N, C-alpha and C. Protein backbone atom coordinates (compact mmCIF):
# COMPACT_ATOMS: atom_id res chain seq x y z
N MET A 1 0.83 -1.17 0.00
CA MET A 1 0.00 0.00 0.00
C MET A 1 0.89 1.25 0.00
N HIS A 2 0.64 2.15 -0.95
CA HIS A 2 1.44 3.39 -1.04
C HIS A 2 0.85 4.44 -0.12
N PRO A 3 1.69 5.20 0.56
CA PRO A 3 1.16 6.25 1.42
C PRO A 3 0.53 7.35 0.57
N MET A 4 -0.56 7.94 1.09
CA MET A 4 -1.21 9.04 0.38
C MET A 4 -0.32 10.26 0.40
N PRO A 5 -0.17 10.96 -0.72
CA PRO A 5 0.71 12.13 -0.72
C PRO A 5 0.17 13.23 0.17
N ASN A 6 1.05 13.92 0.79
CA ASN A 6 0.73 15.05 1.63
C ASN A 6 0.16 16.17 0.74
N ARG A 7 -0.92 16.82 1.19
CA ARG A 7 -1.54 17.89 0.38
C ARG A 7 -0.54 19.01 0.07
N LEU A 8 0.30 19.35 1.03
CA LEU A 8 1.28 20.40 0.81
C LEU A 8 2.28 19.99 -0.28
N ALA A 9 2.71 18.73 -0.24
CA ALA A 9 3.65 18.24 -1.25
C ALA A 9 3.02 18.29 -2.63
N VAL A 10 1.75 17.90 -2.74
CA VAL A 10 1.04 17.94 -4.02
C VAL A 10 0.94 19.39 -4.50
N ALA A 11 0.60 20.30 -3.60
CA ALA A 11 0.47 21.71 -3.97
C ALA A 11 1.80 22.27 -4.47
N VAL A 12 2.90 21.92 -3.79
CA VAL A 12 4.22 22.39 -4.21
C VAL A 12 4.55 21.86 -5.60
N LEU A 13 4.27 20.59 -5.85
CA LEU A 13 4.55 20.01 -7.17
C LEU A 13 3.72 20.69 -8.25
N VAL A 14 2.46 20.97 -7.96
CA VAL A 14 1.59 21.63 -8.94
C VAL A 14 2.12 23.03 -9.24
N VAL A 15 2.48 23.79 -8.19
CA VAL A 15 2.98 25.15 -8.40
C VAL A 15 4.29 25.13 -9.19
N VAL A 16 5.20 24.23 -8.82
CA VAL A 16 6.47 24.14 -9.53
C VAL A 16 6.22 23.78 -10.99
N GLY A 17 5.32 22.85 -11.23
CA GLY A 17 4.99 22.48 -12.61
C GLY A 17 4.39 23.63 -13.38
N LEU A 18 3.50 24.37 -12.73
CA LEU A 18 2.89 25.53 -13.39
C LEU A 18 3.92 26.61 -13.67
N LEU A 19 4.79 26.88 -12.72
CA LEU A 19 5.81 27.91 -12.94
C LEU A 19 6.75 27.52 -14.07
N GLY A 20 7.11 26.28 -14.11
CA GLY A 20 8.00 25.83 -15.18
C GLY A 20 7.37 25.98 -16.54
N SER A 21 6.07 25.65 -16.66
CA SER A 21 5.42 25.74 -17.96
C SER A 21 4.98 27.15 -18.28
N ALA A 22 4.88 28.01 -17.26
CA ALA A 22 4.37 29.37 -17.50
C ALA A 22 5.48 30.40 -17.67
N ALA A 23 6.73 29.99 -17.63
CA ALA A 23 7.81 30.96 -17.72
C ALA A 23 7.68 31.90 -18.91
N PRO A 24 7.41 31.39 -20.14
CA PRO A 24 7.27 32.32 -21.25
C PRO A 24 6.09 33.26 -21.07
N VAL A 25 5.00 32.77 -20.47
CA VAL A 25 3.83 33.62 -20.26
C VAL A 25 4.16 34.73 -19.27
N VAL A 26 4.84 34.39 -18.19
CA VAL A 26 5.23 35.40 -17.21
C VAL A 26 6.13 36.44 -17.87
N ALA A 27 7.09 36.00 -18.67
CA ALA A 27 7.97 36.93 -19.37
C ALA A 27 7.16 37.84 -20.28
N HIS A 28 6.15 37.27 -20.96
CA HIS A 28 5.31 38.06 -21.86
C HIS A 28 4.53 39.10 -21.05
N GLN A 29 4.01 38.71 -19.89
CA GLN A 29 3.27 39.66 -19.08
C GLN A 29 4.18 40.78 -18.60
N ARG A 30 5.41 40.48 -18.25
CA ARG A 30 6.35 41.51 -17.84
C ARG A 30 6.59 42.50 -18.97
N ALA A 31 6.72 41.99 -20.19
CA ALA A 31 6.92 42.88 -21.34
C ALA A 31 5.72 43.80 -21.50
N SER A 32 4.52 43.27 -21.28
CA SER A 32 3.31 44.08 -21.42
C SER A 32 3.30 45.23 -20.43
N LEU A 33 3.90 45.03 -19.26
CA LEU A 33 3.88 46.05 -18.23
C LEU A 33 4.91 47.14 -18.48
N ALA A 34 5.72 46.99 -19.52
CA ALA A 34 6.74 47.99 -19.82
C ALA A 34 6.12 49.33 -20.19
N VAL A 35 4.90 49.33 -20.68
CA VAL A 35 4.21 50.56 -21.06
C VAL A 35 2.86 50.57 -20.34
N PRO A 36 2.87 50.71 -19.01
CA PRO A 36 1.63 50.56 -18.27
C PRO A 36 0.69 51.76 -18.36
N HIS A 37 1.21 52.92 -18.71
CA HIS A 37 0.36 54.11 -18.64
C HIS A 37 0.27 54.82 -19.99
N MET A 38 -0.48 54.25 -20.90
CA MET A 38 -0.74 54.92 -22.17
C MET A 38 -1.92 55.86 -21.96
N SER A 39 -2.02 56.84 -22.82
CA SER A 39 -3.19 57.70 -22.80
C SER A 39 -3.98 57.46 -24.09
N TRP A 40 -5.23 57.86 -24.09
CA TRP A 40 -6.02 57.74 -25.31
C TRP A 40 -5.35 58.61 -26.38
N PRO A 41 -5.23 58.11 -27.60
CA PRO A 41 -4.53 58.87 -28.64
C PRO A 41 -5.36 59.99 -29.26
N THR A 42 -6.64 60.04 -28.96
CA THR A 42 -7.50 61.07 -29.53
C THR A 42 -8.77 61.17 -28.70
N VAL A 43 -9.61 62.12 -29.07
CA VAL A 43 -10.93 62.25 -28.44
C VAL A 43 -11.96 61.74 -29.43
N GLY A 44 -13.12 61.37 -28.90
CA GLY A 44 -14.19 60.92 -29.77
C GLY A 44 -15.04 59.86 -29.11
N ARG A 45 -15.81 59.18 -29.94
CA ARG A 45 -16.74 58.16 -29.48
C ARG A 45 -16.27 56.81 -30.00
N ILE A 46 -16.22 55.82 -29.11
CA ILE A 46 -15.85 54.47 -29.54
C ILE A 46 -17.00 53.91 -30.38
N THR A 47 -16.69 53.61 -31.64
CA THR A 47 -17.70 53.09 -32.54
C THR A 47 -17.57 51.58 -32.75
N GLN A 48 -16.41 51.04 -32.45
CA GLN A 48 -16.24 49.59 -32.52
C GLN A 48 -15.14 49.20 -31.52
N PRO A 49 -15.51 48.40 -30.51
CA PRO A 49 -14.52 47.97 -29.53
C PRO A 49 -13.70 46.79 -30.04
N TRP A 50 -12.74 46.37 -29.25
CA TRP A 50 -11.92 45.19 -29.50
C TRP A 50 -12.81 43.95 -29.35
N GLY A 51 -12.61 42.97 -30.20
CA GLY A 51 -13.22 41.67 -29.98
C GLY A 51 -14.18 41.23 -31.06
N CYS A 52 -14.96 40.19 -30.71
CA CYS A 52 -15.94 39.62 -31.65
C CYS A 52 -16.93 40.69 -32.06
N THR A 53 -17.28 40.68 -33.32
CA THR A 53 -18.19 41.69 -33.86
C THR A 53 -19.05 41.06 -34.95
N GLY A 54 -20.13 41.71 -35.25
CA GLY A 54 -20.98 41.26 -36.35
C GLY A 54 -20.61 41.93 -37.66
N PHE A 55 -19.58 42.79 -37.64
CA PHE A 55 -19.21 43.53 -38.84
C PHE A 55 -18.53 42.59 -39.84
N TYR A 56 -19.16 42.39 -40.98
CA TYR A 56 -18.76 41.37 -41.94
C TYR A 56 -17.38 41.58 -42.56
N LEU A 57 -16.83 42.78 -42.55
CA LEU A 57 -15.53 43.01 -43.16
C LEU A 57 -14.35 42.59 -42.27
N GLU A 58 -14.63 42.32 -41.00
CA GLU A 58 -13.56 41.90 -40.10
C GLU A 58 -13.26 40.42 -40.31
N PRO A 59 -11.99 40.01 -40.22
CA PRO A 59 -11.61 38.62 -40.46
C PRO A 59 -11.98 37.69 -39.29
N ARG A 60 -12.00 36.41 -39.60
CA ARG A 60 -12.23 35.38 -38.58
C ARG A 60 -11.01 35.33 -37.66
N ARG A 61 -11.25 35.07 -36.38
CA ARG A 61 -10.16 34.88 -35.42
C ARG A 61 -10.69 33.99 -34.29
N GLY A 62 -10.01 32.88 -34.08
CA GLY A 62 -10.44 31.95 -33.04
C GLY A 62 -11.86 31.49 -33.30
N SER A 63 -12.71 31.57 -32.28
CA SER A 63 -14.09 31.12 -32.43
C SER A 63 -15.00 32.23 -32.96
N CYS A 64 -14.45 33.41 -33.22
CA CYS A 64 -15.26 34.53 -33.70
C CYS A 64 -15.31 34.53 -35.23
N ARG A 65 -16.48 34.62 -35.76
CA ARG A 65 -16.63 34.69 -37.22
C ARG A 65 -16.02 35.98 -37.77
N HIS A 66 -16.15 37.06 -36.99
CA HIS A 66 -15.56 38.36 -37.34
C HIS A 66 -14.96 38.93 -36.06
N PHE A 67 -13.70 39.39 -36.16
CA PHE A 67 -13.01 39.87 -34.97
C PHE A 67 -12.30 41.18 -35.29
N HIS A 68 -12.49 42.17 -34.43
CA HIS A 68 -11.89 43.48 -34.61
C HIS A 68 -10.65 43.58 -33.72
N ILE A 69 -9.47 43.82 -34.31
CA ILE A 69 -8.20 43.80 -33.56
C ILE A 69 -7.75 45.19 -33.13
N GLY A 70 -8.67 46.01 -32.71
CA GLY A 70 -8.33 47.34 -32.23
C GLY A 70 -9.56 48.00 -31.64
N ILE A 71 -9.45 49.29 -31.41
CA ILE A 71 -10.58 50.10 -30.96
C ILE A 71 -10.74 51.23 -31.96
N ASP A 72 -11.95 51.40 -32.48
CA ASP A 72 -12.23 52.50 -33.41
C ASP A 72 -12.82 53.67 -32.64
N ILE A 73 -12.27 54.85 -32.87
CA ILE A 73 -12.71 56.08 -32.21
C ILE A 73 -13.06 57.08 -33.30
N ALA A 74 -14.31 57.51 -33.34
CA ALA A 74 -14.77 58.43 -34.38
C ALA A 74 -14.88 59.85 -33.84
N HIS A 75 -14.56 60.80 -34.71
CA HIS A 75 -14.70 62.22 -34.42
C HIS A 75 -14.59 62.94 -35.76
N ALA A 76 -14.43 64.24 -35.75
CA ALA A 76 -14.39 65.03 -36.98
C ALA A 76 -13.08 64.81 -37.74
N ARG A 77 -13.17 64.89 -39.06
CA ARG A 77 -11.97 64.82 -39.90
C ARG A 77 -10.97 65.88 -39.44
N GLY A 78 -9.72 65.48 -39.31
CA GLY A 78 -8.68 66.42 -38.89
C GLY A 78 -8.45 66.48 -37.39
N THR A 79 -9.21 65.70 -36.61
CA THR A 79 -8.99 65.66 -35.17
C THR A 79 -7.56 65.18 -34.90
N PRO A 80 -6.82 65.84 -34.03
CA PRO A 80 -5.44 65.43 -33.77
C PRO A 80 -5.33 64.01 -33.21
N ILE A 81 -4.31 63.29 -33.67
CA ILE A 81 -3.96 61.97 -33.15
C ILE A 81 -2.61 62.13 -32.47
N ARG A 82 -2.51 61.64 -31.24
CA ARG A 82 -1.30 61.83 -30.45
C ARG A 82 -0.71 60.49 -30.02
N ALA A 83 0.59 60.45 -29.81
CA ALA A 83 1.26 59.24 -29.35
C ALA A 83 0.69 58.83 -28.00
N ALA A 84 0.32 57.56 -27.87
CA ALA A 84 -0.26 57.06 -26.62
C ALA A 84 0.78 56.93 -25.52
N ALA A 85 2.05 56.83 -25.89
CA ALA A 85 3.15 56.71 -24.92
C ALA A 85 4.45 57.12 -25.61
N ASP A 86 5.48 57.34 -24.84
CA ASP A 86 6.80 57.64 -25.40
C ASP A 86 7.27 56.48 -26.27
N GLY A 87 7.99 56.78 -27.34
CA GLY A 87 8.52 55.73 -28.18
C GLY A 87 9.26 56.27 -29.38
N ILE A 88 9.53 55.37 -30.32
CA ILE A 88 10.21 55.73 -31.56
C ILE A 88 9.31 55.34 -32.72
N VAL A 89 9.08 56.28 -33.62
CA VAL A 89 8.24 56.00 -34.79
C VAL A 89 8.98 55.01 -35.68
N SER A 90 8.37 53.87 -35.91
CA SER A 90 9.02 52.86 -36.75
C SER A 90 8.47 52.83 -38.16
N TYR A 91 7.28 53.42 -38.37
CA TYR A 91 6.71 53.40 -39.72
C TYR A 91 5.69 54.51 -39.87
N VAL A 92 5.72 55.16 -41.03
CA VAL A 92 4.70 56.14 -41.43
C VAL A 92 4.44 55.89 -42.91
N GLY A 93 3.20 55.66 -43.27
CA GLY A 93 2.88 55.44 -44.68
C GLY A 93 1.67 54.56 -44.85
N LEU A 94 1.54 54.00 -46.05
CA LEU A 94 0.41 53.11 -46.34
C LEU A 94 0.58 51.79 -45.60
N ASP A 95 -0.51 51.26 -45.10
CA ASP A 95 -0.52 50.05 -44.27
C ASP A 95 0.37 48.96 -44.87
N PRO A 96 1.41 48.53 -44.14
CA PRO A 96 2.35 47.55 -44.69
C PRO A 96 1.79 46.14 -44.77
N TRP A 97 0.65 45.86 -44.10
CA TRP A 97 0.09 44.51 -44.10
C TRP A 97 -1.02 44.32 -45.13
N ILE A 98 -1.43 45.39 -45.78
CA ILE A 98 -2.51 45.32 -46.76
C ILE A 98 -1.94 45.59 -48.14
N ARG A 99 -2.43 44.93 -49.14
CA ARG A 99 -2.02 45.15 -50.53
C ARG A 99 -3.21 45.70 -51.31
N GLY A 100 -2.94 46.39 -52.37
CA GLY A 100 -4.00 46.90 -53.23
C GLY A 100 -4.40 48.32 -52.90
N LYS A 101 -5.54 48.71 -53.42
CA LYS A 101 -5.97 50.11 -53.32
C LYS A 101 -6.62 50.48 -51.98
N TYR A 102 -6.86 49.53 -51.11
CA TYR A 102 -7.54 49.82 -49.84
C TYR A 102 -6.58 49.96 -48.66
N ARG A 103 -5.41 50.49 -48.91
CA ARG A 103 -4.42 50.66 -47.84
C ARG A 103 -4.64 51.99 -47.13
N SER A 104 -4.72 51.94 -45.81
CA SER A 104 -4.91 53.17 -45.05
C SER A 104 -3.56 53.76 -44.67
N TRP A 105 -3.57 55.04 -44.33
CA TRP A 105 -2.36 55.73 -43.88
C TRP A 105 -2.19 55.40 -42.40
N VAL A 106 -1.01 54.91 -42.03
CA VAL A 106 -0.79 54.47 -40.66
C VAL A 106 0.50 55.04 -40.08
N VAL A 107 0.54 55.08 -38.76
CA VAL A 107 1.75 55.38 -38.00
C VAL A 107 1.92 54.24 -37.01
N ILE A 108 3.14 53.72 -36.90
CA ILE A 108 3.45 52.67 -35.93
C ILE A 108 4.57 53.18 -35.04
N ILE A 109 4.39 53.04 -33.72
CA ILE A 109 5.38 53.50 -32.76
C ILE A 109 5.83 52.32 -31.90
N ARG A 110 7.16 52.16 -31.78
CA ARG A 110 7.76 51.15 -30.89
C ARG A 110 7.95 51.77 -29.51
N HIS A 111 7.53 51.04 -28.48
CA HIS A 111 7.63 51.55 -27.11
C HIS A 111 8.62 50.76 -26.26
N GLY A 112 9.23 49.74 -26.81
CA GLY A 112 10.17 48.92 -26.04
C GLY A 112 9.53 47.62 -25.57
N ASN A 113 10.36 46.63 -25.32
CA ASN A 113 9.92 45.32 -24.84
C ASN A 113 8.86 44.68 -25.72
N GLY A 114 8.93 44.91 -27.02
CA GLY A 114 8.02 44.26 -27.96
C GLY A 114 6.66 44.91 -28.08
N VAL A 115 6.45 46.06 -27.45
CA VAL A 115 5.15 46.74 -27.50
C VAL A 115 5.18 47.83 -28.58
N ARG A 116 4.19 47.78 -29.47
CA ARG A 116 4.03 48.80 -30.52
C ARG A 116 2.58 49.27 -30.54
N THR A 117 2.37 50.52 -30.89
CA THR A 117 1.01 51.02 -31.12
C THR A 117 0.84 51.29 -32.60
N PHE A 118 -0.39 51.11 -33.05
CA PHE A 118 -0.75 51.16 -34.47
C PHE A 118 -1.92 52.13 -34.61
N TYR A 119 -1.76 53.13 -35.45
CA TYR A 119 -2.77 54.18 -35.65
C TYR A 119 -3.13 54.16 -37.14
N ALA A 120 -4.38 53.85 -37.48
CA ALA A 120 -4.75 53.68 -38.89
C ALA A 120 -5.92 54.58 -39.30
N HIS A 121 -6.06 54.76 -40.60
CA HIS A 121 -7.08 55.56 -41.29
C HIS A 121 -6.81 57.06 -41.14
N LEU A 122 -5.56 57.43 -40.84
CA LEU A 122 -5.21 58.84 -40.69
C LEU A 122 -5.26 59.54 -42.05
N LYS A 123 -5.31 60.86 -41.99
CA LYS A 123 -5.17 61.65 -43.22
C LYS A 123 -3.79 61.36 -43.79
N LYS A 124 -3.70 61.29 -45.09
CA LYS A 124 -2.44 60.97 -45.76
C LYS A 124 -1.55 62.20 -45.73
N ARG A 125 -0.86 62.36 -44.60
CA ARG A 125 -0.05 63.55 -44.38
C ARG A 125 1.00 63.27 -43.32
N ARG A 126 2.23 63.58 -43.63
CA ARG A 126 3.31 63.43 -42.64
C ARG A 126 3.30 64.64 -41.71
N VAL A 127 3.62 64.39 -40.44
CA VAL A 127 3.62 65.44 -39.43
C VAL A 127 5.07 65.70 -39.00
N ALA A 128 5.46 66.96 -38.96
CA ALA A 128 6.82 67.33 -38.54
C ALA A 128 7.10 66.77 -37.15
N GLY A 129 8.28 66.18 -36.99
CA GLY A 129 8.68 65.64 -35.70
C GLY A 129 8.19 64.23 -35.44
N ALA A 130 7.39 63.67 -36.35
CA ALA A 130 6.85 62.33 -36.15
C ALA A 130 7.19 61.42 -37.34
N GLY A 131 8.37 61.61 -37.90
CA GLY A 131 8.81 60.77 -39.02
C GLY A 131 9.49 59.51 -38.53
N GLU A 132 9.72 58.59 -39.44
CA GLU A 132 10.37 57.32 -39.10
C GLU A 132 11.72 57.57 -38.44
N GLY A 133 11.95 56.84 -37.36
CA GLY A 133 13.20 56.96 -36.61
C GLY A 133 13.20 58.06 -35.57
N ARG A 134 12.17 58.88 -35.54
CA ARG A 134 12.11 59.99 -34.58
C ARG A 134 11.54 59.53 -33.24
N ARG A 135 12.10 60.05 -32.18
CA ARG A 135 11.59 59.79 -30.83
C ARG A 135 10.39 60.72 -30.60
N VAL A 136 9.29 60.16 -30.11
CA VAL A 136 8.11 60.96 -29.79
C VAL A 136 7.76 60.79 -28.32
N LYS A 137 7.16 61.81 -27.78
CA LYS A 137 6.73 61.81 -26.39
C LYS A 137 5.23 61.51 -26.31
N LYS A 138 4.81 60.95 -25.20
CA LYS A 138 3.39 60.71 -24.94
C LYS A 138 2.64 62.03 -25.13
N GLY A 139 1.57 62.01 -25.93
CA GLY A 139 0.78 63.21 -26.17
C GLY A 139 1.24 64.04 -27.36
N GLN A 140 2.37 63.68 -27.98
CA GLN A 140 2.89 64.44 -29.12
C GLN A 140 2.04 64.16 -30.36
N LEU A 141 1.79 65.19 -31.15
CA LEU A 141 1.02 65.06 -32.39
C LEU A 141 1.75 64.13 -33.37
N ILE A 142 1.02 63.13 -33.90
CA ILE A 142 1.61 62.21 -34.88
C ILE A 142 0.78 62.13 -36.16
N GLY A 143 -0.41 62.70 -36.16
CA GLY A 143 -1.26 62.64 -37.35
C GLY A 143 -2.62 63.26 -37.09
N TYR A 144 -3.50 63.09 -38.11
CA TYR A 144 -4.84 63.65 -38.03
C TYR A 144 -5.85 62.59 -38.47
N MET A 145 -6.99 62.57 -37.79
CA MET A 145 -8.03 61.59 -38.10
C MET A 145 -8.50 61.76 -39.53
N GLY A 146 -8.63 60.63 -40.21
CA GLY A 146 -9.05 60.65 -41.60
C GLY A 146 -9.97 59.50 -41.94
N ASN A 147 -9.99 59.15 -43.21
CA ASN A 147 -10.89 58.11 -43.72
C ASN A 147 -10.17 57.32 -44.82
N THR A 148 -8.88 57.08 -44.65
CA THR A 148 -8.12 56.38 -45.70
C THR A 148 -8.29 54.88 -45.58
N GLY A 149 -8.07 54.19 -46.68
CA GLY A 149 -8.16 52.74 -46.70
C GLY A 149 -9.59 52.25 -46.69
N LEU A 150 -9.77 51.00 -46.30
CA LEU A 150 -11.09 50.37 -46.23
C LEU A 150 -11.74 50.82 -44.93
N SER A 151 -12.45 51.94 -45.01
CA SER A 151 -13.01 52.58 -43.83
C SER A 151 -14.47 52.92 -44.10
N THR A 152 -15.29 52.86 -43.06
CA THR A 152 -16.71 53.17 -43.21
C THR A 152 -17.02 54.61 -42.82
N GLY A 153 -16.01 55.38 -42.48
CA GLY A 153 -16.19 56.77 -42.09
C GLY A 153 -14.95 57.28 -41.39
N VAL A 154 -14.97 58.56 -41.04
CA VAL A 154 -13.82 59.18 -40.39
C VAL A 154 -13.66 58.60 -38.98
N HIS A 155 -12.50 58.04 -38.71
CA HIS A 155 -12.20 57.50 -37.38
C HIS A 155 -10.73 57.13 -37.29
N LEU A 156 -10.30 56.84 -36.07
CA LEU A 156 -8.98 56.28 -35.81
C LEU A 156 -9.16 54.82 -35.43
N HIS A 157 -8.40 53.95 -36.07
CA HIS A 157 -8.30 52.56 -35.62
C HIS A 157 -7.03 52.50 -34.78
N PHE A 158 -7.19 52.26 -33.47
CA PHE A 158 -6.07 52.22 -32.54
C PHE A 158 -5.81 50.78 -32.13
N GLY A 159 -4.60 50.31 -32.40
CA GLY A 159 -4.25 48.93 -32.06
C GLY A 159 -2.97 48.87 -31.25
N VAL A 160 -2.80 47.77 -30.52
CA VAL A 160 -1.58 47.51 -29.76
C VAL A 160 -1.07 46.12 -30.14
N ILE A 161 0.21 46.06 -30.44
CA ILE A 161 0.87 44.80 -30.76
C ILE A 161 1.88 44.55 -29.65
N ASP A 162 1.76 43.41 -28.99
CA ASP A 162 2.66 43.06 -27.90
C ASP A 162 3.28 41.71 -28.23
N ASP A 163 4.58 41.67 -28.36
CA ASP A 163 5.30 40.44 -28.67
C ASP A 163 4.74 39.79 -29.94
N HIS A 164 4.54 40.58 -30.97
CA HIS A 164 4.07 40.15 -32.29
C HIS A 164 2.61 39.67 -32.30
N ARG A 165 1.86 39.97 -31.24
CA ARG A 165 0.44 39.59 -31.20
C ARG A 165 -0.41 40.82 -30.96
N TRP A 166 -1.53 40.89 -31.69
CA TRP A 166 -2.48 41.97 -31.45
C TRP A 166 -3.15 41.70 -30.11
N VAL A 167 -3.19 42.73 -29.26
CA VAL A 167 -3.82 42.60 -27.95
C VAL A 167 -4.82 43.75 -27.77
N ASN A 168 -5.68 43.61 -26.79
CA ASN A 168 -6.72 44.60 -26.52
C ASN A 168 -6.10 45.91 -26.04
N PRO A 169 -6.25 47.00 -26.80
CA PRO A 169 -5.70 48.29 -26.36
C PRO A 169 -6.30 48.78 -25.05
N GLY A 170 -7.49 48.30 -24.73
CA GLY A 170 -8.14 48.68 -23.49
C GLY A 170 -7.35 48.31 -22.25
N ARG A 171 -6.42 47.35 -22.39
CA ARG A 171 -5.55 46.97 -21.26
C ARG A 171 -4.52 48.04 -20.96
N TYR A 172 -4.29 48.97 -21.86
CA TYR A 172 -3.19 49.92 -21.74
C TYR A 172 -3.62 51.36 -21.46
N VAL A 173 -4.88 51.69 -21.74
CA VAL A 173 -5.35 53.08 -21.60
C VAL A 173 -6.23 53.21 -20.35
N PRO A 174 -6.45 54.44 -19.88
CA PRO A 174 -7.31 54.65 -18.70
C PRO A 174 -8.72 54.12 -18.94
N ASP A 175 -9.40 53.82 -17.86
CA ASP A 175 -10.76 53.29 -17.96
C ASP A 175 -11.76 54.28 -18.56
N ALA A 176 -11.53 55.56 -18.35
CA ALA A 176 -12.44 56.57 -18.88
C ALA A 176 -12.42 56.54 -20.41
N SER A 177 -13.51 56.89 -21.02
CA SER A 177 -13.58 56.86 -22.48
C SER A 177 -12.74 57.96 -23.09
N PRO A 178 -12.41 57.84 -24.38
CA PRO A 178 -11.59 58.87 -25.04
C PRO A 178 -12.33 60.20 -25.16
N ALA A 179 -13.64 60.23 -24.97
CA ALA A 179 -14.39 61.47 -25.08
C ALA A 179 -14.04 62.42 -23.94
N ARG A 180 -13.52 61.88 -22.85
CA ARG A 180 -13.20 62.70 -21.67
C ARG A 180 -11.80 63.26 -21.69
N HIS A 181 -11.01 62.95 -22.70
CA HIS A 181 -9.61 63.39 -22.70
C HIS A 181 -9.36 64.50 -23.68
C-alpha cells in the first residue's frame, strides 16, 4: 500500500509544474507592463470595440466569425492623433500589411519590450517631428483623423501589438472613455 501524498507536497509540485510551464507567459506579461500608462490617442466616441463583432468586413479569429483587432474612435476629420506613450516612430505610410488600393495611412510606434502602437485611417499627411526613426513623447502630435483605406467613415483605428500579437488596447489606456480626454 502506497502512502497518500501530503496535500502540501502535491500543492508544491503543482505550483512548480505551473511555474516551469508558465515561464514564457510570465515573461510576456512583464513585457506588457513595460508601457503601463498609455493615454487615449484622440478624443471621440468608440464606434467599434476590440473583440468579436458582427461587422462582416472583419476577419475570422479563433471562435469569432468576425473579430476586430483594435478600438475604433470616431470624431471630426482632422482631429489630432497623439502618441499614446513615449517611443520611436518605426513606420509612417500606407498600411504595410494590406495590398491593393484599400491601404490606409498608418503610423506605428515602438515603445520597447516588444510593444508597438498602431494608428490607422489617418489623413495621408506626414507630421513634422513624427517621421520614421524619430523619438516621440506621450501626447505628441503624430497625425490627423481621416478616412483612408477600407473605412466606413472618419475614425482612428487604434491597435496595440505586444510580442508580435495583437492585444486589446483597453488593457493599456485609462478606464475613462476617449471622449473625456
